[in-house]
Every structure is written in C-alpha cells, then in structure tokens.
All heavy atoms as atom14 arrays in JSON, in Angstrom:
{
  "sequence": "FLSKFAQQKGVRRIEGKIVNARSDSLTGNILSVSLENGQDIEGDFFVD",
  "atom14_mask": [
    [1, 1, 1, 1, 1, 1, 1, 1, 1, 1, 1, 0, 0, 0],
    [1, 1, 1, 1, 1, 1, 1, 1, 0, 0, 0, 0, 0, 0],
    [1, 1, 1, 1, 1, 1, 0, 0, 0, 0, 0, 0, 0, 0],
    [1, 1, 1, 1, 1, 1, 1, 1, 1, 0, 0, 0, 0, 0],
    [1, 1, 1, 1, 1, 1, 1, 1, 1, 1, 1, 0, 0, 0],
    [1, 1, 1, 1, 1, 0, 0, 0, 0, 0, 0, 0, 0, 0],
    [1, 1, 1, 1, 1, 1, 1, 1, 1, 0, 0, 0, 0, 0],
    [1, 1, 1, 1, 1, 1, 1, 1, 1, 0, 0, 0, 0, 0],
    [1, 1, 1, 1, 1, 1, 1, 1, 1, 0, 0, 0, 0, 0],
    [1, 1, 1, 1, 0, 0, 0, 0, 0, 0, 0, 0, 0, 0],
    [1, 1, 1, 1, 1, 1, 1, 0, 0, 0, 0, 0, 0, 0],
    [1, 1, 1, 1, 1, 1, 1, 1, 1, 1, 1, 0, 0, 0],
    [1, 1, 1, 1, 1, 1, 1, 1, 1, 1, 1, 0, 0, 0],
    [1, 1, 1, 1, 1, 1, 1, 1, 0, 0, 0, 0, 0, 0],
    [1, 1, 1, 1, 1, 1, 1, 1, 1, 0, 0, 0, 0, 0],
    [1, 1, 1, 1, 0, 0, 0, 0, 0, 0, 0, 0, 0, 0],
    [1, 1, 1, 1, 1, 1, 1, 1, 1, 0, 0, 0, 0, 0],
    [1, 1, 1, 1, 1, 1, 1, 1, 0, 0, 0, 0, 0, 0],
    [1, 1, 1, 1, 1, 1, 1, 0, 0, 0, 0, 0, 0, 0],
    [1, 1, 1, 1, 1, 1, 1, 1, 0, 0, 0, 0, 0, 0],
    [1, 1, 1, 1, 1, 0, 0, 0, 0, 0, 0, 0, 0, 0],
    [1, 1, 1, 1, 1, 1, 1, 1, 1, 1, 1, 0, 0, 0],
    [1, 1, 1, 1, 1, 1, 0, 0, 0, 0, 0, 0, 0, 0],
    [1, 1, 1, 1, 1, 1, 1, 1, 0, 0, 0, 0, 0, 0],
    [1, 1, 1, 1, 1, 1, 0, 0, 0, 0, 0, 0, 0, 0],
    [1, 1, 1, 1, 1, 1, 1, 1, 0, 0, 0, 0, 0, 0],
    [1, 1, 1, 1, 1, 1, 1, 0, 0, 0, 0, 0, 0, 0],
    [1, 1, 1, 1, 0, 0, 0, 0, 0, 0, 0, 0, 0, 0],
    [1, 1, 1, 1, 1, 1, 1, 1, 0, 0, 0, 0, 0, 0],
    [1, 1, 1, 1, 1, 1, 1, 1, 0, 0, 0, 0, 0, 0],
    [1, 1, 1, 1, 1, 1, 1, 1, 0, 0, 0, 0, 0, 0],
    [1, 1, 1, 1, 1, 1, 0, 0, 0, 0, 0, 0, 0, 0],
    [1, 1, 1, 1, 1, 1, 1, 0, 0, 0, 0, 0, 0, 0],
    [1, 1, 1, 1, 1, 1, 0, 0, 0, 0, 0, 0, 0, 0],
    [1, 1, 1, 1, 1, 1, 1, 1, 0, 0, 0, 0, 0, 0],
    [1, 1, 1, 1, 1, 1, 1, 1, 1, 0, 0, 0, 0, 0],
    [1, 1, 1, 1, 1, 1, 1, 1, 0, 0, 0, 0, 0, 0],
    [1, 1, 1, 1, 0, 0, 0, 0, 0, 0, 0, 0, 0, 0],
    [1, 1, 1, 1, 1, 1, 1, 1, 1, 0, 0, 0, 0, 0],
    [1, 1, 1, 1, 1, 1, 1, 1, 0, 0, 0, 0, 0, 0],
    [1, 1, 1, 1, 1, 1, 1, 1, 0, 0, 0, 0, 0, 0],
    [1, 1, 1, 1, 1, 1, 1, 1, 1, 0, 0, 0, 0, 0],
    [1, 1, 1, 1, 0, 0, 0, 0, 0, 0, 0, 0, 0, 0],
    [1, 1, 1, 1, 1, 1, 1, 1, 0, 0, 0, 0, 0, 0],
    [1, 1, 1, 1, 1, 1, 1, 1, 1, 1, 1, 0, 0, 0],
    [1, 1, 1, 1, 1, 1, 1, 1, 1, 1, 1, 0, 0, 0],
    [1, 1, 1, 1, 1, 1, 1, 0, 0, 0, 0, 0, 0, 0],
    [1, 1, 1, 1, 1, 1, 1, 1, 0, 0, 0, 0, 0, 0]
  ],
  "atom14_positions": [
    [[14.88, -5.6, 12.97], [16.1, -4.72, 12.82], [15.97, -3.84, 11.63], [16.24, -2.63, 11.62], [17.36, -5.59, 12.8], [18.62, -4.89, 12.66], [19.41, -4.51, 13.83], [19.17, -4.5, 11.48], [20.57, -3.83, 13.74], [20.34, -3.79, 11.33], [21.03, -3.44, 12.53], [0.0, 0.0, 0.0], [0.0, 0.0, 0.0], [0.0, 0.0, 0.0]],
    [[15.58, -4.47, 10.45], [15.49, -3.74, 9.2], [14.28, -2.77, 9.23], [14.29, -1.75, 8.62], [15.35, -4.69, 8.01], [16.66, -5.43, 7.67], [16.38, -6.41, 6.49], [17.81, -4.53, 7.44], [0.0, 0.0, 0.0], [0.0, 0.0, 0.0], [0.0, 0.0, 0.0], [0.0, 0.0, 0.0], [0.0, 0.0, 0.0], [0.0, 0.0, 0.0]],
    [[13.23, -3.17, 9.96], [12.05, -2.29, 10.16], [12.46, -1.0, 10.78], [12.14, 0.13, 10.28], [11.01, -2.96, 10.97], [9.96, -2.04, 11.26], [0.0, 0.0, 0.0], [0.0, 0.0, 0.0], [0.0, 0.0, 0.0], [0.0, 0.0, 0.0], [0.0, 0.0, 0.0], [0.0, 0.0, 0.0], [0.0, 0.0, 0.0], [0.0, 0.0, 0.0]],
    [[13.23, -1.04, 11.84], [13.69, 0.18, 12.47], [14.64, 0.93, 11.59], [14.53, 2.19, 11.46], [14.44, -0.21, 13.79], [14.9, 0.97, 14.55], [15.56, 0.57, 15.86], [16.08, 1.74, 16.71], [16.77, 1.38, 17.95], [0.0, 0.0, 0.0], [0.0, 0.0, 0.0], [0.0, 0.0, 0.0], [0.0, 0.0, 0.0], [0.0, 0.0, 0.0]],
    [[15.58, 0.22, 10.85], [16.46, 0.92, 9.9], [15.67, 1.67, 8.84], [15.93, 2.8, 8.51], [17.35, -0.18, 9.27], [18.24, 0.36, 8.18], [19.55, 0.77, 8.49], [17.86, 0.37, 6.9], [20.42, 1.26, 7.45], [18.66, 0.81, 5.89], [19.92, 1.27, 6.2], [0.0, 0.0, 0.0], [0.0, 0.0, 0.0], [0.0, 0.0, 0.0]],
    [[14.68, 0.92, 8.23], [13.94, 1.56, 7.13], [13.16, 2.75, 7.57], [13.04, 3.73, 6.87], [13.08, 0.47, 6.46], [0.0, 0.0, 0.0], [0.0, 0.0, 0.0], [0.0, 0.0, 0.0], [0.0, 0.0, 0.0], [0.0, 0.0, 0.0], [0.0, 0.0, 0.0], [0.0, 0.0, 0.0], [0.0, 0.0, 0.0], [0.0, 0.0, 0.0]],
    [[12.45, 2.64, 8.71], [11.67, 3.76, 9.2], [12.52, 4.94, 9.54], [12.12, 6.06, 9.33], [10.89, 3.32, 10.31], [9.71, 2.33, 10.01], [8.85, 1.87, 11.15], [8.02, 2.65, 11.63], [9.0, 0.6, 11.55], [0.0, 0.0, 0.0], [0.0, 0.0, 0.0], [0.0, 0.0, 0.0], [0.0, 0.0, 0.0], [0.0, 0.0, 0.0]],
    [[13.76, 4.74, 9.98], [14.65, 5.84, 10.23], [15.06, 6.47, 8.89], [15.41, 7.72, 8.88], [15.87, 5.39, 11.03], [15.62, 5.02, 12.42], [16.83, 4.42, 13.13], [17.71, 4.0, 12.53], [16.81, 4.37, 14.47], [0.0, 0.0, 0.0], [0.0, 0.0, 0.0], [0.0, 0.0, 0.0], [0.0, 0.0, 0.0], [0.0, 0.0, 0.0]],
    [[15.01, 5.71, 7.8], [15.28, 6.23, 6.46], [14.11, 6.89, 5.82], [14.24, 7.33, 4.67], [15.85, 5.06, 5.6], [17.2, 4.59, 5.9], [18.32, 5.44, 5.35], [19.64, 4.75, 5.46], [20.74, 5.54, 4.82], [0.0, 0.0, 0.0], [0.0, 0.0, 0.0], [0.0, 0.0, 0.0], [0.0, 0.0, 0.0], [0.0, 0.0, 0.0]],
    [[13.0, 6.95, 6.51], [11.84, 7.61, 6.02], [10.66, 6.74, 5.51], [9.64, 7.29, 5.02], [0.0, 0.0, 0.0], [0.0, 0.0, 0.0], [0.0, 0.0, 0.0], [0.0, 0.0, 0.0], [0.0, 0.0, 0.0], [0.0, 0.0, 0.0], [0.0, 0.0, 0.0], [0.0, 0.0, 0.0], [0.0, 0.0, 0.0], [0.0, 0.0, 0.0]],
    [[10.78, 5.48, 5.6], [9.68, 4.56, 5.21], [8.48, 4.78, 6.2], [8.72, 4.75, 7.47], [10.11, 3.1, 5.19], [9.0, 2.21, 4.97], [11.19, 2.89, 4.15], [0.0, 0.0, 0.0], [0.0, 0.0, 0.0], [0.0, 0.0, 0.0], [0.0, 0.0, 0.0], [0.0, 0.0, 0.0], [0.0, 0.0, 0.0], [0.0, 0.0, 0.0]],
    [[7.26, 4.91, 5.67], [6.09, 5.04, 6.43], [5.54, 3.67, 6.63], [5.24, 2.93, 5.75], [5.14, 5.96, 5.74], [3.83, 6.14, 6.61], [2.88, 7.18, 5.92], [2.45, 6.74, 4.68], [1.21, 6.91, 4.14], [0.27, 7.55, 4.92], [0.88, 6.55, 2.94], [0.0, 0.0, 0.0], [0.0, 0.0, 0.0], [0.0, 0.0, 0.0]],
    [[5.31, 3.27, 7.9], [4.61, 1.97, 8.23], [3.17, 2.2, 8.58], [2.85, 3.13, 9.42], [5.29, 1.28, 9.34], [4.64, -0.06, 9.74], [5.26, -0.6, 11.01], [4.54, -1.83, 11.39], [3.39, -1.97, 12.04], [2.72, -0.88, 12.44], [2.84, -3.18, 12.35], [0.0, 0.0, 0.0], [0.0, 0.0, 0.0], [0.0, 0.0, 0.0]],
    [[2.28, 1.45, 7.97], [0.88, 1.51, 8.29], [0.41, 0.13, 8.86], [0.63, -0.86, 8.14], [0.02, 1.92, 7.0], [0.29, 3.38, 6.6], [-1.52, 1.74, 7.37], [-0.41, 3.75, 5.4], [0.0, 0.0, 0.0], [0.0, 0.0, 0.0], [0.0, 0.0, 0.0], [0.0, 0.0, 0.0], [0.0, 0.0, 0.0], [0.0, 0.0, 0.0]],
    [[-0.15, 0.09, 9.99], [-0.69, -1.08, 10.51], [-2.16, -1.24, 10.01], [-3.0, -0.39, 10.11], [-0.74, -1.02, 12.06], [-1.54, -2.03, 12.77], [-1.04, -3.45, 12.61], [0.21, -3.65, 12.42], [-1.78, -4.44, 12.62], [0.0, 0.0, 0.0], [0.0, 0.0, 0.0], [0.0, 0.0, 0.0], [0.0, 0.0, 0.0], [0.0, 0.0, 0.0]],
    [[-2.33, -2.37, 9.38], [-3.78, -2.56, 8.86], [-3.81, -3.85, 7.95], [-2.79, -4.36, 7.46], [0.0, 0.0, 0.0], [0.0, 0.0, 0.0], [0.0, 0.0, 0.0], [0.0, 0.0, 0.0], [0.0, 0.0, 0.0], [0.0, 0.0, 0.0], [0.0, 0.0, 0.0], [0.0, 0.0, 0.0], [0.0, 0.0, 0.0], [0.0, 0.0, 0.0]],
    [[-5.01, -4.35, 7.83], [-5.29, -5.53, 7.02], [-5.86, -5.06, 5.63], [-6.87, -4.38, 5.67], [-6.21, -6.47, 7.76], [-6.42, -7.79, 7.02], [-7.31, -8.71, 7.73], [-6.81, -9.21, 9.08], [-7.66, -10.15, 9.76], [0.0, 0.0, 0.0], [0.0, 0.0, 0.0], [0.0, 0.0, 0.0], [0.0, 0.0, 0.0], [0.0, 0.0, 0.0]],
    [[-5.28, -5.49, 4.52], [-5.8, -5.11, 3.22], [-6.96, -6.11, 2.88], [-6.84, -7.3, 3.01], [-4.71, -5.25, 2.19], [-3.66, -4.15, 2.45], [-5.18, -5.1, 0.74], [-2.44, -4.29, 1.54], [0.0, 0.0, 0.0], [0.0, 0.0, 0.0], [0.0, 0.0, 0.0], [0.0, 0.0, 0.0], [0.0, 0.0, 0.0], [0.0, 0.0, 0.0]],
    [[-8.11, -5.46, 2.45], [-9.26, -6.26, 2.13], [-9.64, -6.18, 0.66], [-10.46, -6.94, 0.17], [-10.52, -5.78, 2.94], [-10.24, -6.12, 4.44], [-10.75, -4.3, 2.76], [0.0, 0.0, 0.0], [0.0, 0.0, 0.0], [0.0, 0.0, 0.0], [0.0, 0.0, 0.0], [0.0, 0.0, 0.0], [0.0, 0.0, 0.0], [0.0, 0.0, 0.0]],
    [[-9.02, -5.26, -0.06], [-9.4, -5.1, -1.49], [-8.32, -4.26, -2.24], [-7.43, -3.61, -1.59], [-10.75, -4.35, -1.64], [-11.3, -4.49, -3.01], [-11.01, -5.39, -3.72], [-12.12, -3.52, -3.36], [0.0, 0.0, 0.0], [0.0, 0.0, 0.0], [0.0, 0.0, 0.0], [0.0, 0.0, 0.0], [0.0, 0.0, 0.0], [0.0, 0.0, 0.0]],
    [[-8.26, -4.47, -3.55], [-7.36, -3.66, -4.4], [-8.16, -3.17, -5.57], [-9.07, -3.83, -6.02], [-6.13, -4.52, -4.8], [0.0, 0.0, 0.0], [0.0, 0.0, 0.0], [0.0, 0.0, 0.0], [0.0, 0.0, 0.0], [0.0, 0.0, 0.0], [0.0, 0.0, 0.0], [0.0, 0.0, 0.0], [0.0, 0.0, 0.0], [0.0, 0.0, 0.0]],
    [[-7.75, -2.05, -6.13], [-8.42, -1.48, -7.28], [-7.45, -1.29, -8.43], [-6.33, -0.82, -8.25], [-9.06, -0.13, -6.86], [-9.87, 0.55, -7.98], [-10.62, 1.74, -7.39], [-9.73, 2.73, -6.82], [-9.29, 3.77, -7.48], [-9.54, 3.96, -8.78], [-8.43, 4.63, -6.84], [0.0, 0.0, 0.0], [0.0, 0.0, 0.0], [0.0, 0.0, 0.0]],
    [[-7.84, -1.71, -9.62], [-6.96, -1.69, -10.87], [-7.65, -0.79, -11.88], [-8.85, -0.58, -11.96], [-6.77, -3.05, -11.43], [-6.14, -3.91, -10.59], [0.0, 0.0, 0.0], [0.0, 0.0, 0.0], [0.0, 0.0, 0.0], [0.0, 0.0, 0.0], [0.0, 0.0, 0.0], [0.0, 0.0, 0.0], [0.0, 0.0, 0.0], [0.0, 0.0, 0.0]],
    [[-6.73, -0.18, -12.76], [-7.19, 0.63, -13.8], [-7.94, -0.29, -14.84], [-7.38, -1.31, -15.32], [-6.04, 1.36, -14.46], [-6.4, 2.3, -15.56], [-6.77, 1.88, -16.64], [-6.35, 3.54, -15.29], [0.0, 0.0, 0.0], [0.0, 0.0, 0.0], [0.0, 0.0, 0.0], [0.0, 0.0, 0.0], [0.0, 0.0, 0.0], [0.0, 0.0, 0.0]],
    [[-9.14, 0.13, -15.27], [-9.92, -0.7, -16.22], [-9.24, -0.84, -17.6], [-9.56, -1.82, -18.34], [-11.32, -0.1, -16.37], [-11.24, 1.16, -16.8], [0.0, 0.0, 0.0], [0.0, 0.0, 0.0], [0.0, 0.0, 0.0], [0.0, 0.0, 0.0], [0.0, 0.0, 0.0], [0.0, 0.0, 0.0], [0.0, 0.0, 0.0], [0.0, 0.0, 0.0]],
    [[-8.4, 0.13, -18.01], [-7.76, 0.08, -19.33], [-6.46, -0.67, -19.3], [-6.17, -1.54, -20.03], [-7.61, 1.47, -19.83], [-8.98, 2.24, -20.17], [-8.58, 3.66, -20.62], [-9.7, 1.5, -21.21], [0.0, 0.0, 0.0], [0.0, 0.0, 0.0], [0.0, 0.0, 0.0], [0.0, 0.0, 0.0], [0.0, 0.0, 0.0], [0.0, 0.0, 0.0]],
    [[-5.53, -0.29, -18.36], [-4.17, -0.81, -18.33], [-4.07, -2.07, -17.49], [-3.15, -2.9, -17.69], [-3.22, 0.25, -17.81], [-3.53, 0.51, -16.44], [-3.28, 1.51, -18.6], [0.0, 0.0, 0.0], [0.0, 0.0, 0.0], [0.0, 0.0, 0.0], [0.0, 0.0, 0.0], [0.0, 0.0, 0.0], [0.0, 0.0, 0.0], [0.0, 0.0, 0.0]],
    [[-4.99, -2.19, -16.52], [-4.78, -3.32, -15.54], [-3.89, -3.0, -14.43], [-3.72, -3.8, -13.49], [0.0, 0.0, 0.0], [0.0, 0.0, 0.0], [0.0, 0.0, 0.0], [0.0, 0.0, 0.0], [0.0, 0.0, 0.0], [0.0, 0.0, 0.0], [0.0, 0.0, 0.0], [0.0, 0.0, 0.0], [0.0, 0.0, 0.0], [0.0, 0.0, 0.0]],
    [[-3.21, -1.84, -14.44], [-2.28, -1.53, -13.38], [-3.05, -1.31, -12.1], [-4.16, -0.84, -12.0], [-1.55, -0.22, -13.72], [-0.42, -0.45, -14.67], [-0.02, -1.56, -14.98], [0.08, 0.65, -15.28], [0.0, 0.0, 0.0], [0.0, 0.0, 0.0], [0.0, 0.0, 0.0], [0.0, 0.0, 0.0], [0.0, 0.0, 0.0], [0.0, 0.0, 0.0]],
    [[-2.42, -1.68, -11.0], [-3.03, -1.47, -9.65], [-3.01, 0.0, -9.32], [-1.91, 0.68, -9.5], [-2.25, -2.33, -8.61], [-2.45, -3.85, -8.93], [-2.84, -2.03, -7.13], [-1.58, -4.73, -8.1], [0.0, 0.0, 0.0], [0.0, 0.0, 0.0], [0.0, 0.0, 0.0], [0.0, 0.0, 0.0], [0.0, 0.0, 0.0], [0.0, 0.0, 0.0]],
    [[-4.1, 0.52, -8.82], [-4.23, 1.98, -8.41], [-4.15, 2.17, -6.94], [-3.5, 3.15, -6.5], [-5.51, 2.52, -8.96], [-5.68, 2.53, -10.51], [-7.05, 2.98, -10.83], [-4.64, 3.28, -11.23], [0.0, 0.0, 0.0], [0.0, 0.0, 0.0], [0.0, 0.0, 0.0], [0.0, 0.0, 0.0], [0.0, 0.0, 0.0], [0.0, 0.0, 0.0]],
    [[-4.75, 1.27, -6.18], [-4.78, 1.45, -4.76], [-5.17, 0.16, -4.06], [-5.61, -0.77, -4.69], [-5.77, 2.58, -4.4], [-7.11, 2.1, -4.74], [0.0, 0.0, 0.0], [0.0, 0.0, 0.0], [0.0, 0.0, 0.0], [0.0, 0.0, 0.0], [0.0, 0.0, 0.0], [0.0, 0.0, 0.0], [0.0, 0.0, 0.0], [0.0, 0.0, 0.0]],
    [[-4.97, 0.17, -2.76], [-5.41, -0.93, -1.88], [-6.26, -0.33, -0.79], [-6.11, 0.8, -0.38], [-4.26, -1.7, -1.26], [-3.45, -2.5, -2.37], [-3.27, -0.8, -0.46], [0.0, 0.0, 0.0], [0.0, 0.0, 0.0], [0.0, 0.0, 0.0], [0.0, 0.0, 0.0], [0.0, 0.0, 0.0], [0.0, 0.0, 0.0], [0.0, 0.0, 0.0]],
    [[-7.26, -1.11, -0.34], [-8.14, -0.66, 0.76], [-7.99, -1.44, 1.96], [-7.79, -2.67, 1.89], [-9.58, -0.8, 0.2], [-9.83, -0.07, -0.94], [0.0, 0.0, 0.0], [0.0, 0.0, 0.0], [0.0, 0.0, 0.0], [0.0, 0.0, 0.0], [0.0, 0.0, 0.0], [0.0, 0.0, 0.0], [0.0, 0.0, 0.0], [0.0, 0.0, 0.0]],
    [[-7.94, -0.76, 3.15], [-7.76, -1.42, 4.42], [-9.11, -1.7, 5.05], [-10.13, -1.14, 4.7], [-6.91, -0.49, 5.3], [-5.53, -0.09, 4.81], [-4.77, 0.68, 5.95], [-4.73, -1.27, 4.3], [0.0, 0.0, 0.0], [0.0, 0.0, 0.0], [0.0, 0.0, 0.0], [0.0, 0.0, 0.0], [0.0, 0.0, 0.0], [0.0, 0.0, 0.0]],
    [[-9.05, -2.53, 6.02], [-10.2, -2.99, 6.79], [-10.95, -1.8, 7.4], [-12.18, -1.84, 7.58], [-9.83, -4.05, 7.79], [-10.92, -4.91, 8.39], [-10.44, -5.97, 9.2], [-9.54, -5.73, 10.02], [-10.94, -7.09, 9.15], [0.0, 0.0, 0.0], [0.0, 0.0, 0.0], [0.0, 0.0, 0.0], [0.0, 0.0, 0.0], [0.0, 0.0, 0.0]],
    [[-10.15, -0.78, 7.78], [-10.78, 0.39, 8.44], [-11.37, 1.4, 7.43], [-11.84, 2.44, 7.81], [-9.75, 1.1, 9.32], [-8.57, 1.66, 8.52], [-8.57, 1.65, 7.29], [-7.58, 2.17, 9.2], [0.0, 0.0, 0.0], [0.0, 0.0, 0.0], [0.0, 0.0, 0.0], [0.0, 0.0, 0.0], [0.0, 0.0, 0.0], [0.0, 0.0, 0.0]],
    [[-11.4, 1.09, 6.12], [-11.91, 1.89, 5.13], [-10.97, 2.85, 4.4], [-11.35, 3.54, 3.45], [0.0, 0.0, 0.0], [0.0, 0.0, 0.0], [0.0, 0.0, 0.0], [0.0, 0.0, 0.0], [0.0, 0.0, 0.0], [0.0, 0.0, 0.0], [0.0, 0.0, 0.0], [0.0, 0.0, 0.0], [0.0, 0.0, 0.0], [0.0, 0.0, 0.0]],
    [[-9.7, 2.85, 4.91], [-8.7, 3.77, 4.26], [-8.26, 3.2, 2.97], [-7.99, 2.04, 2.8], [-7.5, 3.88, 5.21], [-6.43, 4.84, 4.74], [-5.29, 4.92, 5.73], [-5.2, 4.16, 6.78], [-4.35, 5.8, 5.45], [0.0, 0.0, 0.0], [0.0, 0.0, 0.0], [0.0, 0.0, 0.0], [0.0, 0.0, 0.0], [0.0, 0.0, 0.0]],
    [[-8.2, 4.13, 1.91], [-7.62, 3.78, 0.66], [-6.22, 4.35, 0.52], [-5.91, 5.48, 0.85], [-8.49, 4.35, -0.5], [-9.81, 3.58, -0.7], [-9.81, 2.35, -0.3], [-10.74, 4.15, -1.14], [0.0, 0.0, 0.0], [0.0, 0.0, 0.0], [0.0, 0.0, 0.0], [0.0, 0.0, 0.0], [0.0, 0.0, 0.0], [0.0, 0.0, 0.0]],
    [[-5.31, 3.54, 0.02], [-3.87, 3.98, -0.1], [-3.48, 3.79, -1.58], [-3.42, 2.64, -2.1], [-2.91, 3.17, 0.82], [-3.41, 3.31, 2.21], [-1.52, 3.63, 0.58], [-2.67, 2.41, 3.21], [0.0, 0.0, 0.0], [0.0, 0.0, 0.0], [0.0, 0.0, 0.0], [0.0, 0.0, 0.0], [0.0, 0.0, 0.0], [0.0, 0.0, 0.0]],
    [[-3.22, 4.93, -2.28], [-2.88, 4.93, -3.65], [-1.38, 4.81, -3.81], [-0.59, 5.24, -2.93], [-3.43, 6.21, -4.3], [-4.94, 6.32, -4.33], [-5.42, 7.58, -5.01], [-4.58, 8.42, -5.32], [-6.62, 7.63, -5.32], [0.0, 0.0, 0.0], [0.0, 0.0, 0.0], [0.0, 0.0, 0.0], [0.0, 0.0, 0.0], [0.0, 0.0, 0.0]],
    [[-0.95, 4.26, -4.94], [0.47, 4.17, -5.27], [0.68, 4.08, -6.77], [-0.22, 3.82, -7.53], [0.0, 0.0, 0.0], [0.0, 0.0, 0.0], [0.0, 0.0, 0.0], [0.0, 0.0, 0.0], [0.0, 0.0, 0.0], [0.0, 0.0, 0.0], [0.0, 0.0, 0.0], [0.0, 0.0, 0.0], [0.0, 0.0, 0.0], [0.0, 0.0, 0.0]],
    [[1.94, 4.37, -7.11], [2.34, 4.29, -8.54], [2.92, 2.87, -8.85], [2.84, 2.4, -9.96], [3.43, 5.31, -8.92], [2.92, 6.72, -8.69], [1.83, 6.97, -9.02], [3.65, 7.55, -8.16], [0.0, 0.0, 0.0], [0.0, 0.0, 0.0], [0.0, 0.0, 0.0], [0.0, 0.0, 0.0], [0.0, 0.0, 0.0], [0.0, 0.0, 0.0]],
    [[3.58, 2.29, -7.83], [4.22, 0.95, -8.02], [4.01, 0.18, -6.73], [4.12, 0.75, -5.58], [5.7, 1.17, -8.29], [6.37, -0.09, -8.8], [6.25, -0.46, -10.12], [7.09, -0.92, -7.97], [6.9, -1.63, -10.52], [7.75, -2.03, -8.32], [7.65, -2.43, -9.67], [0.0, 0.0, 0.0], [0.0, 0.0, 0.0], [0.0, 0.0, 0.0]],
    [[3.77, -1.16, -6.87], [3.44, -1.94, -5.74], [4.42, -3.17, -5.68], [4.77, -3.71, -6.65], [2.03, -2.45, -5.79], [0.95, -1.41, -5.7], [0.66, -0.58, -6.82], [0.27, -1.21, -4.53], [-0.25, 0.39, -6.68], [-0.66, -0.19, -4.4], [-0.96, 0.63, -5.53], [0.0, 0.0, 0.0], [0.0, 0.0, 0.0], [0.0, 0.0, 0.0]],
    [[4.83, -3.45, -4.47], [5.66, -4.71, -4.21], [4.91, -5.61, -3.3], [4.44, -5.28, -2.17], [7.03, -4.31, -3.57], [7.87, -5.57, -3.46], [7.76, -3.23, -4.41], [0.0, 0.0, 0.0], [0.0, 0.0, 0.0], [0.0, 0.0, 0.0], [0.0, 0.0, 0.0], [0.0, 0.0, 0.0], [0.0, 0.0, 0.0], [0.0, 0.0, 0.0]],
    [[4.61, -6.8, -3.84], [3.8, -7.75, -3.1], [4.72, -8.61, -2.24], [5.43, -9.51, -2.78], [3.0, -8.61, -4.13], [1.96, -9.54, -3.36], [2.11, -9.77, -2.12], [1.06, -10.07, -4.07], [0.0, 0.0, 0.0], [0.0, 0.0, 0.0], [0.0, 0.0, 0.0], [0.0, 0.0, 0.0], [0.0, 0.0, 0.0], [0.0, 0.0, 0.0]]
  ]
}
C-alpha cells in the first residue's frame, strides 16, 4: 500500500540486487551502490 503511495508521490523504484558499495576514501561517506546488472547508483544520503 505504501509502495503505491510513495511512487505516486514521485519515489523512483529500482528492481535489483546490490552487490557492492563505494565510500569516499577521506570522509568514509558512502558515494554509491552497485547492482548485479552493473548499474551504479549515486546518492548524497543513504537509508539502510
């Protein structure tokens, strides 16, 4: 129910399995996650 609600509000859903994450070597902040299909998705803030 909330998935439909959120996507109607503009949330983008990506189907995929995360296989790796990349962090900044200086700050330790997470920069992106990589999917099994090779796609990299960058972000400023991550919610696990």
